[in-house]
PDB file of N, CA and C in Angstrom:
ATOM      1  N   MET A   1     100.772 134.494 148.134  1.00  0.00           N
ATOM      2  CA  MET A   1     100.822 134.944 146.768  1.00  0.00           C
ATOM      3  C   MET A   1      99.427 134.808 146.171  1.00  0.00           C
ATOM      4  N   SER A   2      98.901 135.894 145.650  1.00  0.00           N
ATOM      5  CA  SER A   2      97.581 135.894 145.044  1.00  0.00           C
ATOM      6  C   SER A   2      97.670 136.420 143.625  1.00  0.00           C
ATOM      7  N   LYS A   3      96.685 136.081 142.826  1.00  0.00           N
ATOM      8  CA  LYS A   3      96.646 136.545 141.446  1.00  0.00           C
ATOM      9  C   LYS A   3      95.362 137.311 141.215  1.00  0.00           C
ATOM     10  N   ILE A   4      95.447 138.317 140.356  1.00  0.00           N
ATOM     11  CA  ILE A   4      94.272 139.100 140.012  1.00  0.00           C
ATOM     12  C   ILE A   4      94.283 139.322 138.509  1.00  0.00           C
ATOM     13  N   LYS A   5      93.131 139.398 137.902  1.00  0.00           N
ATOM     14  CA  LYS A   5      93.028 139.638 136.467  1.00  0.00           C
ATOM     15  C   LYS A   5      92.525 141.054 136.242  1.00  0.00           C
ATOM     16  N   ILE A   6      93.296 141.843 135.502  1.00  0.00           N
ATOM     17  CA  ILE A   6      92.904 143.206 135.186  1.00  0.00           C
ATOM     18  C   ILE A   6      92.087 143.158 133.898  1.00  0.00           C
ATOM     19  N   THR A   7      90.954 143.848 133.877  1.00  0.00           N
ATOM     20  CA  THR A   7      90.034 143.715 132.749  1.00  0.00           C
ATOM     21  C   THR A   7      90.416 144.546 131.534  1.00  0.00           C
ATOM     22  N   SER A   8      91.139 145.669 131.697  1.00  0.00           N
ATOM     23  CA  SER A   8      91.462 146.495 130.540  1.00  0.00           C
ATOM     24  C   SER A   8      92.380 145.746 129.574  1.00  0.00           C
ATOM     25  N   LYS A   9      93.357 145.094 130.085  1.00  0.00           N
ATOM     26  CA  LYS A   9      94.216 144.192 129.319  1.00  0.00           C
ATOM     27  C   LYS A   9      94.269 142.923 130.144  1.00  0.00           C
ATOM     28  N   GLU A  10      94.226 141.804 129.500  1.00  0.00           N
ATOM     29  CA  GLU A  10      94.247 140.563 130.268  1.00  0.00           C
ATOM     30  C   GLU A  10      95.680 140.283 130.704  1.00  0.00           C
ATOM     31  N   GLN A  11      95.981 140.695 131.910  1.00  0.00           N
ATOM     32  CA  GLN A  11      97.294 140.485 132.489  1.00  0.00           C
ATOM     33  C   GLN A  11      97.112 139.814 133.834  1.00  0.00           C
ATOM     34  N   ILE A  12      98.080 139.048 134.213  1.00  0.00           N
ATOM     35  CA  ILE A  12      98.041 138.440 135.537  1.00  0.00           C
ATOM     36  C   ILE A  12      99.142 139.078 136.362  1.00  0.00           C
ATOM     37  N   ILE A  13      98.755 139.647 137.482  1.00  0.00           N
ATOM     38  CA  ILE A  13      99.709 140.288 138.373  1.00  0.00           C
ATOM     39  C   ILE A  13      99.844 139.408 139.609  1.00  0.00           C
ATOM     40  N   GLU A  14     101.071 139.083 139.958  1.00  0.00           N
ATOM     41  CA  GLU A  14     101.314 138.298 141.149  1.00  0.00           C
ATOM     42  C   GLU A  14     101.905 139.195 142.223  1.00  0.00           C
ATOM     43  N   GLY A  15     101.433 139.012 143.428  1.00  0.00           N
ATOM     44  CA  GLY A  15     101.950 139.823 144.522  1.00  0.00           C
ATOM     45  C   GLY A  15     101.295 139.446 145.831  1.00  0.00           C
ATOM     46  N   ASN A  16     101.529 140.242 146.841  1.00  0.00           N
ATOM     47  CA  ASN A  16     100.957 139.998 148.158  1.00  0.00           C
ATOM     48  C   ASN A  16      99.567 140.613 148.245  1.00  0.00           C
ATOM     49  N   LEU A  17      98.634 139.877 148.805  1.00  0.00           N
ATOM     50  CA  LEU A  17      97.268 140.349 148.959  1.00  0.00           C
ATOM     51  C   LEU A  17      97.099 140.941 150.352  1.00  0.00           C
ATOM     52  N   ILE A  18      96.597 142.164 150.404  1.00  0.00           N
ATOM     53  CA  ILE A  18      96.339 142.830 151.678  1.00  0.00           C
ATOM     54  C   ILE A  18      94.830 143.003 151.795  1.00  0.00           C
ATOM     55  N   ASP A  19      94.224 142.351 152.797  1.00  0.00           N
ATOM     56  CA  ASP A  19      92.786 142.478 153.052  1.00  0.00           C
ATOM     57  C   ASP A  19      92.569 143.498 154.148  1.00  0.00           C
ATOM     58  N   ASN A  20      91.555 144.353 153.961  1.00  0.00           N
ATOM     59  CA  ASN A  20      91.245 145.355 154.964  1.00  0.00           C
ATOM     60  C   ASN A  20      89.834 145.860 154.746  1.00  0.00           C
ATOM     61  N   VAL A  21      89.368 146.683 155.665  1.00  0.00           N
ATOM     62  CA  VAL A  21      88.054 147.304 155.570  1.00  0.00           C
ATOM     63  C   VAL A  21      88.244 148.748 155.133  1.00  0.00           C
ATOM     64  N   VAL A  22      87.391 149.208 154.217  1.00  0.00           N
ATOM     65  CA  VAL A  22      87.481 150.576 153.716  1.00  0.00           C
ATOM     66  C   VAL A  22      87.092 151.541 154.825  1.00  0.00           C
ATOM     67  N   LYS A  23      87.954 152.530 155.048  1.00  0.00           N
ATOM     68  CA  LYS A  23      87.712 153.559 156.067  1.00  0.00           C
ATOM     69  C   LYS A  23      87.580 154.908 155.361  1.00  0.00           C
ATOM     70  N   PRO A  24      86.841 155.833 155.973  1.00  0.00           N
ATOM     71  CA  PRO A  24      86.691 157.135 155.310  1.00  0.00           C
ATOM     72  C   PRO A  24      88.002 157.923 155.224  1.00  0.00           C
ATOM     73  N   PHE A  25      88.890 157.728 156.180  1.00  0.00           N
ATOM     74  CA  PHE A  25      90.170 158.438 156.179  1.00  0.00           C
ATOM     75  C   PHE A  25      91.276 157.465 156.525  1.00  0.00           C
ATOM     76  N   GLY A  26      92.466 157.760 156.059  1.00  0.00           N
ATOM     77  CA  GLY A  26      93.647 157.046 156.523  1.00  0.00           C
ATOM     78  C   GLY A  26      93.938 155.727 155.858  1.00  0.00           C
ATOM     79  N   ASN A  27      93.448 155.481 154.632  1.00  0.00           N
ATOM     80  CA  ASN A  27      93.914 154.257 153.992  1.00  0.00           C
ATOM     81  C   ASN A  27      95.338 154.526 153.517  1.00  0.00           C
ATOM     82  N   SER A  28      96.258 153.721 153.955  1.00  0.00           N
ATOM     83  CA  SER A  28      97.681 154.015 153.764  1.00  0.00           C
ATOM     84  C   SER A  28      98.105 153.954 152.299  1.00  0.00           C
ATOM     85  N   ALA A  29      97.352 153.281 151.461  1.00  0.00           N
ATOM     86  CA  ALA A  29      97.725 153.197 150.055  1.00  0.00           C
ATOM     87  C   ALA A  29      97.229 154.407 149.270  1.00  0.00           C
ATOM     88  N   HIS A  30      96.425 155.245 149.879  1.00  0.00           N
ATOM     89  CA  HIS A  30      95.861 156.426 149.235  1.00  0.00           C
ATOM     90  C   HIS A  30      95.078 156.046 147.977  1.00  0.00           C
ATOM     91  N   ILE A  31      94.254 155.048 148.116  1.00  0.00           N
ATOM     92  CA  ILE A  31      93.415 154.602 147.014  1.00  0.00           C
ATOM     93  C   ILE A  31      92.092 155.340 147.109  1.00  0.00           C
ATOM     94  N   PRO A  32      91.713 156.078 146.079  1.00  0.00           N
ATOM     95  CA  PRO A  32      90.441 156.797 146.137  1.00  0.00           C
ATOM     96  C   PRO A  32      89.263 155.820 146.028  1.00  0.00           C
ATOM     97  N   ILE A  33      88.465 155.770 147.070  1.00  0.00           N
ATOM     98  CA  ILE A  33      87.302 154.885 147.113  1.00  0.00           C
ATOM     99  C   ILE A  33      86.095 155.737 147.484  1.00  0.00           C
ATOM    100  N   SER A  34      85.008 155.545 146.747  1.00  0.00           N
ATOM    101  CA  SER A  34      83.836 156.373 147.003  1.00  0.00           C
ATOM    102  C   SER A  34      83.212 156.062 148.359  1.00  0.00           C
ATOM    103  N   LYS A  35      82.436 157.010 148.838  1.00  0.00           N
ATOM    104  CA  LYS A  35      81.842 156.943 150.174  1.00  0.00           C
ATOM    105  C   LYS A  35      80.919 155.741 150.347  1.00  0.00           C
ATOM    106  N   LYS A  36      80.250 155.322 149.274  1.00  0.00           N
ATOM    107  CA  LYS A  36      79.290 154.230 149.379  1.00  0.00           C
ATOM    108  C   LYS A  36      79.951 152.887 149.719  1.00  0.00           C
ATOM    109  N   HIS A  37      81.277 152.789 149.530  1.00  0.00           N
ATOM    110  CA  HIS A  37      81.982 151.532 149.826  1.00  0.00           C
ATOM    111  C   HIS A  37      82.578 151.500 151.232  1.00  0.00           C
ATOM    112  N   THR A  38      82.396 152.551 152.017  1.00  0.00           N
ATOM    113  CA  THR A  38      82.942 152.605 153.369  1.00  0.00           C
ATOM    114  C   THR A  38      82.391 151.442 154.191  1.00  0.00           C
ATOM    115  N   GLY A  39      83.266 150.739 154.885  1.00  0.00           N
ATOM    116  CA  GLY A  39      82.871 149.626 155.737  1.00  0.00           C
ATOM    117  C   GLY A  39      82.924 148.279 155.044  1.00  0.00           C
ATOM    118  N   LYS A  40      83.144 148.237 153.749  1.00  0.00           N
ATOM    119  CA  LYS A  40      83.211 146.970 153.012  1.00  0.00           C
ATOM    120  C   LYS A  40      84.630 146.429 153.029  1.00  0.00           C
ATOM    121  N   LYS A  41      84.738 145.090 152.944  1.00  0.00           N
ATOM    122  CA  LYS A  41      86.052 144.448 152.884  1.00  0.00           C
ATOM    123  C   LYS A  41      86.595 144.536 151.463  1.00  0.00           C
ATOM    124  N   ILE A  42      87.858 144.880 151.364  1.00  0.00           N
ATOM    125  CA  ILE A  42      88.518 144.918 150.057  1.00  0.00           C
ATOM    126  C   ILE A  42      89.851 144.191 150.146  1.00  0.00           C
ATOM    127  N   GLY A  43      90.360 143.841 149.009  1.00  0.00           N
ATOM    128  CA  GLY A  43      91.693 143.249 148.920  1.00  0.00           C
ATOM    129  C   GLY A  43      92.503 144.023 147.907  1.00  0.00           C
ATOM    130  N   VAL A  44      93.726 144.314 148.248  1.00  0.00           N
ATOM    131  CA  VAL A  44      94.625 145.044 147.359  1.00  0.00           C
ATOM    132  C   VAL A  44      95.833 144.160 147.094  1.00  0.00           C
ATOM    133  N   VAL A  45      96.160 143.989 145.818  1.00  0.00           N
ATOM    134  CA  VAL A  45      97.331 143.197 145.453  1.00  0.00           C
ATOM    135  C   VAL A  45      98.503 144.153 145.256  1.00  0.00           C
ATOM    136  N   VAL A  46      99.550 143.934 146.021  1.00  0.00           N
ATOM    137  CA  VAL A  46     100.771 144.733 145.907  1.00  0.00           C
ATOM    138  C   VAL A  46     101.778 143.888 145.129  1.00  0.00           C
ATOM    139  N   PRO A  47     102.080 144.276 143.874  1.00  0.00           N
ATOM    140  CA  PRO A  47     102.984 143.469 143.049  1.00  0.00           C
ATOM    141  C   PRO A  47     104.386 143.402 143.642  1.00  0.00           C
ATOM    142  N   GLU A  48     105.018 142.236 143.489  1.00  0.00           N
ATOM    143  CA  GLU A  48     106.392 142.084 143.955  1.00  0.00           C
ATOM    144  C   GLU A  48     107.346 142.863 143.057  1.00  0.00           C
ATOM    145  N   GLU A  49     107.135 142.807 141.758  1.00  0.00           N
ATOM    146  CA  GLU A  49     107.952 143.561 140.816  1.00  0.00           C
ATOM    147  C   GLU A  49     107.045 144.517 140.063  1.00  0.00           C
ATOM    148  N   PRO A  50     107.029 145.793 140.447  1.00  0.00           N
ATOM    149  CA  PRO A  50     106.119 146.730 139.780  1.00  0.00           C
ATOM    150  C   PRO A  50     106.547 147.020 138.336  1.00  0.00           C
ATOM    151  N   PHE A  51     105.567 147.174 137.481  1.00  0.00           N
ATOM    152  CA  PHE A  51     105.789 147.581 136.106  1.00  0.00           C
ATOM    153  C   PHE A  51     105.184 148.961 135.932  1.00  0.00           C
ATOM    154  N   TYR A  52     105.765 149.732 135.071  1.00  0.00           N
ATOM    155  CA  TYR A  52     105.310 151.092 134.831  1.00  0.00           C
ATOM    156  C   TYR A  52     104.625 151.155 133.471  1.00  0.00           C
ATOM    157  N   ALA A  53     103.787 152.135 133.299  1.00  0.00           N
ATOM    158  CA  ALA A  53     103.109 152.354 132.028  1.00  0.00           C
ATOM    159  C   ALA A  53     103.535 153.700 131.472  1.00  0.00           C
ATOM    160  N   TRP A  54     103.487 153.832 130.150  1.00  0.00           N
ATOM    161  CA  TRP A  54     103.842 155.087 129.501  1.00  0.00           C
ATOM    162  C   TRP A  54     102.695 156.056 129.721  1.00  0.00           C
ATOM    163  N   VAL A  55     102.953 157.181 130.387  1.00  0.00           N
ATOM    164  CA  VAL A  55     101.881 158.124 130.715  1.00  0.00           C
ATOM    165  C   VAL A  55     101.871 159.356 129.806  1.00  0.00           C
ATOM    166  N   LEU A  56     102.935 159.574 129.071  1.00  0.00           N
ATOM    167  CA  LEU A  56     102.940 160.680 128.117  1.00  0.00           C
ATOM    168  C   LEU A  56     102.209 160.228 126.853  1.00  0.00           C
ATOM    169  N   ASN A  57     101.834 161.167 125.992  1.00  0.00           N
ATOM    170  CA  ASN A  57     101.078 160.760 124.803  1.00  0.00           C
ATOM    171  C   ASN A  57     101.927 159.893 123.869  1.00  0.00           C
ATOM    172  N   LYS A  58     101.274 159.157 122.988  1.00  0.00           N
ATOM    173  CA  LYS A  58     101.956 158.183 122.133  1.00  0.00           C
ATOM    174  C   LYS A  58     102.944 158.831 121.180  1.00  0.00           C
ATOM    175  N   GLU A  59     102.634 160.028 120.722  1.00  0.00           N
ATOM    176  CA  GLU A  59     103.533 160.727 119.799  1.00  0.00           C
ATOM    177  C   GLU A  59     104.889 160.995 120.465  1.00  0.00           C
ATOM    178  N   LYS A  60     104.846 161.451 121.718  1.00  0.00           N
ATOM    179  CA  LYS A  60     106.094 161.711 122.446  1.00  0.00           C
ATOM    180  C   LYS A  60     106.845 160.405 122.687  1.00  0.00           C
ATOM    181  N   GLY A  61     106.112 159.339 122.942  1.00  0.00           N
ATOM    182  CA  GLY A  61     106.734 158.034 123.134  1.00  0.00           C
ATOM    183  C   GLY A  61     107.455 157.565 121.889  1.00  0.00           C
ATOM    184  N   LYS A  62     106.818 157.741 120.735  1.00  0.00           N
ATOM    185  CA  LYS A  62     107.450 157.335 119.475  1.00  0.00           C
ATOM    186  C   LYS A  62     108.703 158.156 119.203  1.00  0.00           C
ATOM    187  N   ARG A  63     108.629 159.477 119.449  1.00  0.00           N
ATOM    188  CA  ARG A  63     109.799 160.343 119.240  1.00  0.00           C
ATOM    189  C   ARG A  63     110.934 159.965 120.189  1.00  0.00           C
ATOM    190  N   PHE A  64     110.581 159.676 121.450  1.00  0.00           N
ATOM    191  CA  PHE A  64     111.568 159.299 122.468  1.00  0.00           C
ATOM    192  C   PHE A  64     112.289 158.018 122.059  1.00  0.00           C
ATOM    193  N   LEU A  65     111.530 157.003 121.635  1.00  0.00           N
ATOM    194  CA  LEU A  65     112.139 155.729 121.263  1.00  0.00           C
ATOM    195  C   LEU A  65     112.911 155.827 119.953  1.00  0.00           C
ATOM    196  N   ALA A  66     112.410 156.628 119.014  1.00  0.00           N
ATOM    197  CA  ALA A  66     113.142 156.815 117.757  1.00  0.00           C
ATOM    198  C   ALA A  66     114.487 157.489 118.016  1.00  0.00           C
ATOM    199  N   LYS A  67     114.496 158.483 118.891  1.00  0.00           N
ATOM    200  CA  LYS A  67     115.740 159.170 119.251  1.00  0.00           C
ATOM    201  C   LYS A  67     116.701 158.209 119.939  1.00  0.00           C
ATOM    202  N   ALA A  68     116.166 157.338 120.814  1.00  0.00           N
ATOM    203  CA  ALA A  68     117.010 156.363 121.512  1.00  0.00           C
ATOM    204  C   ALA A  68     117.642 155.391 120.521  1.00  0.00           C
ATOM    205  N   LYS A  69     116.860 154.910 119.569  1.00  0.00           N
ATOM    206  CA  LYS A  69     117.399 153.986 118.556  1.00  0.00           C
ATOM    207  C   LYS A  69     118.472 154.673 117.716  1.00  0.00           C
ATOM    208  N   GLN A  70     118.204 155.914 117.330  1.00  0.00           N
ATOM    209  CA  GLN A  70     119.144 156.678 116.510  1.00  0.00           C
ATOM    210  C   GLN A  70     120.464 156.882 117.256  1.00  0.00           C
ATOM    211  N   LEU A  71     120.407 157.312 118.506  1.00  0.00           N
ATOM    212  CA  LEU A  71     121.626 157.559 119.280  1.00  0.00           C
ATOM    213  C   LEU A  71     122.395 156.273 119.552  1.00  0.00           C
ATOM    214  N   ASN A  72     121.674 155.201 119.809  1.00  0.00           N
ATOM    215  CA  ASN A  72     122.335 153.929 120.090  1.00  0.00           C
ATOM    216  C   ASN A  72     123.048 153.398 118.851  1.00  0.00           C
ATOM    217  N   LYS A  73     122.453 153.587 117.686  1.00  0.00           N
ATOM    218  CA  LYS A  73     123.100 153.147 116.447  1.00  0.00           C
ATOM    219  C   LYS A  73     124.348 153.976 116.169  1.00  0.00           C
ATOM    220  N   ARG A  74     124.264 155.286 116.438  1.00  0.00           N
ATOM    221  CA  ARG A  74     125.426 156.158 116.260  1.00  0.00           C
ATOM    222  C   ARG A  74     126.549 155.768 117.216  1.00  0.00           C
ATOM    223  N   LYS A  75     126.173 155.374 118.415  1.00  0.00           N
ATOM    224  CA  LYS A  75     127.152 155.074 119.459  1.00  0.00           C
ATOM    225  C   LYS A  75     127.912 153.790 119.173  1.00  0.00           C
ATOM    226  N   GLY A  76     127.200 152.728 118.826  1.00  0.00           N
ATOM    227  CA  GLY A  76     127.851 151.436 118.666  1.00  0.00           C
ATOM    228  C   GLY A  76     127.793 150.875 117.264  1.00  0.00           C
ATOM    229  N   GLY A  77     127.166 151.550 116.345  1.00  0.00           N
ATOM    230  CA  GLY A  77     127.055 151.030 114.991  1.00  0.00           C
ATOM    231  C   GLY A  77     125.812 150.183 114.788  1.00  0.00           C
ATOM    232  N   LYS A  78     125.339 149.533 115.841  1.00  0.00           N
ATOM    233  CA  LYS A  78     124.102 148.762 115.790  1.00  0.00           C
ATOM    234  C   LYS A  78     123.487 148.785 117.180  1.00  0.00           C
ATOM    235  N   LEU A  79     122.233 148.397 117.270  1.00  0.00           N
ATOM    236  CA  LEU A  79     121.562 148.412 118.576  1.00  0.00           C
ATOM    237  C   LEU A  79     122.205 147.390 119.503  1.00  0.00           C
ATOM    238  N   GLU A  80     122.622 147.835 120.658  1.00  0.00           N
ATOM    239  CA  GLU A  80     123.160 146.913 121.644  1.00  0.00           C
ATOM    240  C   GLU A  80     122.009 146.073 122.181  1.00  0.00           C
ATOM    241  N   PHE A  81     122.305 144.838 122.532  1.00  0.00           N
ATOM    242  CA  PHE A  81     121.269 143.890 122.911  1.00  0.00           C
ATOM    243  C   PHE A  81     120.443 144.370 124.102  1.00  0.00           C
ATOM    244  N   HIS A  82     121.095 144.812 125.177  1.00  0.00           N
ATOM    245  CA  HIS A  82     120.352 145.215 126.374  1.00  0.00           C
ATOM    246  C   HIS A  82     119.524 146.479 126.123  1.00  0.00           C
ATOM    247  N   THR A  83     120.040 147.390 125.304  1.00  0.00           N
ATOM    248  CA  THR A  83     119.283 148.605 124.985  1.00  0.00           C
ATOM    249  C   THR A  83     118.099 148.263 124.096  1.00  0.00           C
ATOM    250  N   ARG A  84     118.284 147.327 123.182  1.00  0.00           N
ATOM    251  CA  ARG A  84     117.191 146.904 122.306  1.00  0.00           C
ATOM    252  C   ARG A  84     116.061 146.285 123.121  1.00  0.00           C
ATOM    253  N   GLU A  85     116.411 145.491 124.131  1.00  0.00           N
ATOM    254  CA  GLU A  85     115.393 144.889 125.010  1.00  0.00           C
ATOM    255  C   GLU A  85     114.633 145.968 125.784  1.00  0.00           C
ATOM    256  N   CYS A  86     115.341 146.958 126.302  1.00  0.00           N
ATOM    257  CA  CYS A  86     114.694 148.053 127.036  1.00  0.00           C
ATOM    258  C   CYS A  86     113.718 148.802 126.142  1.00  0.00           C
ATOM    259  N   ILE A  87     114.149 149.110 124.921  1.00  0.00           N
ATOM    260  CA  ILE A  87     113.287 149.825 123.977  1.00  0.00           C
ATOM    261  C   ILE A  87     112.056 148.988 123.656  1.00  0.00           C
ATOM    262  N   GLN A  88     112.244 147.688 123.473  1.00  0.00           N
ATOM    263  CA  GLN A  88     111.123 146.806 123.147  1.00  0.00           C
ATOM    264  C   GLN A  88     110.100 146.763 124.285  1.00  0.00           C
ATOM    265  N   ARG A  89     110.574 146.681 125.524  1.00  0.00           N
ATOM    266  CA  ARG A  89     109.649 146.644 126.668  1.00  0.00           C
ATOM    267  C   ARG A  89     108.882 147.961 126.807  1.00  0.00           C
ATOM    268  N   ILE A  90     109.548 149.077 126.543  1.00  0.00           N
ATOM    269  CA  ILE A  90     108.860 150.373 126.609  1.00  0.00           C
ATOM    270  C   ILE A  90     107.820 150.468 125.497  1.00  0.00           C
ATOM    271  N   GLU A  91     108.146 149.956 124.300  1.00  0.00           N
ATOM    272  CA  GLU A  91     107.183 149.957 123.199  1.00  0.00           C
ATOM    273  C   GLU A  91     105.953 149.117 123.528  1.00  0.00           C
ATOM    274  N   GLU A  92     106.155 148.009 124.239  1.00  0.00           N
ATOM    275  CA  GLU A  92     105.040 147.135 124.610  1.00  0.00           C
ATOM    276  C   GLU A  92     104.134 147.788 125.645  1.00  0.00           C
ATOM    277  N   GLY A  93     104.672 148.700 126.444  1.00  0.00           N
ATOM    278  CA  GLY A  93     103.849 149.430 127.399  1.00  0.00           C
ATOM    279  C   GLY A  93     104.047 149.027 128.849  1.00  0.00           C
ATOM    280  N   ASN A  94     104.604 147.878 129.129  1.00  0.00           N
ATOM    281  CA  ASN A  94     104.894 147.466 130.506  1.00  0.00           C
ATOM    282  C   ASN A  94     106.399 147.343 130.663  1.00  0.00           C
ATOM    283  N   PHE A  95     106.973 148.219 131.461  1.00  0.00           N
ATOM    284  CA  PHE A  95     108.420 148.217 131.618  1.00  0.00           C
ATOM    285  C   PHE A  95     108.776 148.509 133.059  1.00  0.00           C
ATOM    286  N   LYS A  96     110.000 148.164 133.397  1.00  0.00           N
ATOM    287  CA  LYS A  96     110.516 148.486 134.726  1.00  0.00           C
ATOM    288  C   LYS A  96     111.172 149.853 134.655  1.00  0.00           C
ATOM    289  N   ILE A  97     111.278 150.497 135.787  1.00  0.00           N
ATOM    290  CA  ILE A  97     111.857 151.840 135.820  1.00  0.00           C
ATOM    291  C   ILE A  97     113.326 151.814 135.379  1.00  0.00           C
ATOM    292  N   GLU A  98     114.010 150.691 135.586  1.00  0.00           N
ATOM    293  CA  GLU A  98     115.408 150.569 135.165  1.00  0.00           C
ATOM    294  C   GLU A  98     115.535 150.666 133.644  1.00  0.00           C
ATOM    295  N   ASP A  99     114.535 150.106 132.922  1.00  0.00           N
ATOM    296  CA  ASP A  99     114.544 150.202 131.458  1.00  0.00           C
ATOM    297  C   ASP A  99     114.464 151.655 131.023  1.00  0.00           C
ATOM    298  N   LEU A 100     113.548 152.378 131.630  1.00  0.00           N
ATOM    299  CA  LEU A 100     113.371 153.784 131.288  1.00  0.00           C
ATOM    300  C   LEU A 100     114.610 154.597 131.660  1.00  0.00           C
ATOM    301  N   GLU A 101     115.236 154.283 132.789  1.00  0.00           N
ATOM    302  CA  GLU A 101     116.441 155.004 133.214  1.00  0.00           C
ATOM    303  C   GLU A 101     117.582 154.825 132.218  1.00  0.00           C
ATOM    304  N   LYS A 102     117.754 153.590 131.683  1.00  0.00           N
ATOM    305  CA  LYS A 102     118.827 153.344 130.709  1.00  0.00           C
ATOM    306  C   LYS A 102     118.633 154.188 129.454  1.00  0.00           C
ATOM    307  N   ILE A 103     117.408 154.197 128.942  1.00  0.00           N
ATOM    308  CA  ILE A 103     117.128 154.952 127.727  1.00  0.00           C
ATOM    309  C   ILE A 103     117.192 156.451 128.009  1.00  0.00           C
ATOM    310  N   TYR A 104     116.707 156.855 129.171  1.00  0.00           N
ATOM    311  CA  TYR A 104     116.756 158.265 129.584  1.00  0.00           C
ATOM    312  C   TYR A 104     118.206 158.752 129.619  1.00  0.00           C
ATOM    313  N   GLU A 105     119.093 157.973 130.224  1.00  0.00           N
ATOM    314  CA  GLU A 105     120.506 158.361 130.325  1.00  0.00           C
ATOM    315  C   GLU A 105     121.168 158.444 128.961  1.00  0.00           C
ATOM    316  N   LEU A 106     120.785 157.534 128.065  1.00  0.00           N
ATOM    317  CA  LEU A 106     121.344 157.535 126.713  1.00  0.00           C
ATOM    318  C   LEU A 106     121.016 158.841 125.995  1.00  0.00           C
ATOM    319  N   ILE A 107     119.759 159.282 126.096  1.00  0.00           N
ATOM    320  CA  ILE A 107     119.349 160.521 125.414  1.00  0.00           C
ATOM    321  C   ILE A 107     119.845 161.748 126.172  1.00  0.00           C
ATOM    322  N   ALA A 108     119.767 161.728 127.498  1.00  0.00           N
ATOM    323  CA  ALA A 108     120.178 162.888 128.294  1.00  0.00           C
ATOM    324  C   ALA A 108     121.663 163.190 128.127  1.00  0.00           C
ATOM    325  N   GLU A 109     122.452 162.156 127.915  1.00  0.00           N
ATOM    326  CA  GLU A 109     123.894 162.338 127.703  1.00  0.00           C
ATOM    327  C   GLU A 109     124.161 163.109 126.411  1.00  0.00           C
ATOM    328  N   ALA A 110     123.389 162.809 125.373  1.00  0.00           N
ATOM    329  CA  ALA A 110     123.595 163.460 124.074  1.00  0.00           C
ATOM    330  C   ALA A 110     122.857 164.793 123.963  1.00  0.00           C
ATOM    331  N   GLU A 111     121.640 164.857 124.492  1.00  0.00           N
ATOM    332  CA  GLU A 111     120.809 166.057 124.374  1.00  0.00           C
ATOM    333  C   GLU A 111     120.178 166.406 125.718  1.00  0.00           C
ATOM    334  N   PRO A 112     120.911 167.042 126.614  1.00  0.00           N
ATOM    335  CA  PRO A 112     120.365 167.335 127.949  1.00  0.00           C
ATOM    336  C   PRO A 112     119.207 168.331 127.953  1.00  0.00           C
ATOM    337  N   LYS A 113     119.052 169.111 126.892  1.00  0.00           N
ATOM    338  CA  LYS A 113     117.980 170.113 126.869  1.00  0.00           C
ATOM    339  C   LYS A 113     116.760 169.643 126.079  1.00  0.00           C
ATOM    340  N   ASN A 114     116.698 168.366 125.744  1.00  0.00           N
ATOM    341  CA  ASN A 114     115.563 167.792 125.024  1.00  0.00           C
ATOM    342  C   ASN A 114     114.302 167.931 125.877  1.00  0.00           C
ATOM    343  N   LEU A 115     113.199 168.388 125.280  1.00  0.00           N
ATOM    344  CA  LEU A 115     111.960 168.628 126.024  1.00  0.00           C
ATOM    345  C   LEU A 115     111.369 167.344 126.589  1.00  0.00           C
ATOM    346  N   ILE A 116     111.462 166.245 125.847  1.00  0.00           N
ATOM    347  CA  ILE A 116     110.924 164.979 126.343  1.00  0.00           C
ATOM    348  C   ILE A 116     111.714 164.522 127.563  1.00  0.00           C
ATOM    349  N   ILE A 117     113.018 164.743 127.560  1.00  0.00           N
ATOM    350  CA  ILE A 117     113.860 164.381 128.706  1.00  0.00           C
ATOM    351  C   ILE A 117     113.419 165.138 129.949  1.00  0.00           C
ATOM    352  N   LYS A 118     113.165 166.435 129.788  1.00  0.00           N
ATOM    353  CA  LYS A 118     112.717 167.238 130.932  1.00  0.00           C
ATOM    354  C   LYS A 118     111.373 166.744 131.453  1.00  0.00           C
ATOM    355  N   GLU A 119     110.463 166.407 130.532  1.00  0.00           N
ATOM    356  CA  GLU A 119     109.142 165.940 130.945  1.00  0.00           C
ATOM    357  C   GLU A 119     109.211 164.566 131.626  1.00  0.00           C
ATOM    358  N   LEU A 120     110.045 163.667 131.099  1.00  0.00           N
ATOM    359  CA  LEU A 120     110.217 162.351 131.725  1.00  0.00           C
ATOM    360  C   LEU A 120     110.792 162.480 133.122  1.00  0.00           C
ATOM    361  N   LYS A 121     111.748 163.388 133.284  1.00  0.00           N
ATOM    362  CA  LYS A 121     112.351 163.603 134.594  1.00  0.00           C
ATOM    363  C   LYS A 121     111.302 164.045 135.601  1.00  0.00           C
ATOM    364  N   ARG A 122     110.391 164.905 135.161  1.00  0.00           N
ATOM    365  CA  ARG A 122     109.342 165.406 136.049  1.00  0.00           C
ATOM    366  C   ARG A 122     108.290 164.325 136.346  1.00  0.00           C
ATOM    367  N   VAL A 123     107.835 163.608 135.322  1.00  0.00           N
ATOM    368  CA  VAL A 123     106.749 162.642 135.470  1.00  0.00           C
ATOM    369  C   VAL A 123     107.182 161.399 136.237  1.00  0.00           C
ATOM    370  N   TYR A 124     108.332 160.827 135.872  1.00  0.00           N
ATOM    371  CA  TYR A 124     108.789 159.568 136.473  1.00  0.00           C
ATOM    372  C   TYR A 124     109.776 159.786 137.625  1.00  0.00           C
ATOM    373  N   ASN A 125     110.067 161.034 137.947  1.00  0.00           N
ATOM    374  CA  ASN A 125     110.962 161.372 139.047  1.00  0.00           C
ATOM    375  C   ASN A 125     112.329 160.707 138.876  1.00  0.00           C
ATOM    376  N   LEU A 126     112.919 160.899 137.701  1.00  0.00           N
ATOM    377  CA  LEU A 126     114.233 160.298 137.407  1.00  0.00           C
ATOM    378  C   LEU A 126     115.345 161.209 137.860  1.00  0.00           C
TER     379      LEU A 126
END
């Protein structure tokens, strides 16, 4: 188990460390590495529990989550606890694919022709 610090946001990711030498072709992780690093030793951390990031623009994210909150309130009268947690994790930016699937199903059930639903299905392969 190794830890790495990501500089864009200070997060600690725990996972398995894979050490290898950079080759010009055939790195199985398909990590784009420039030619000048060929032959150097690198380490790649493969997280045990992967987290996903929101890749669509923020406006679509806000509309998606607002629609989810609206539908959930209509469905049960108030936000259900597990759905509220999923929405909160998506708002924070680091979520598991299961969180996105729950919210996706909630909206897709009510509005299957929603444009954001179609785009999420394509981007996240739901």
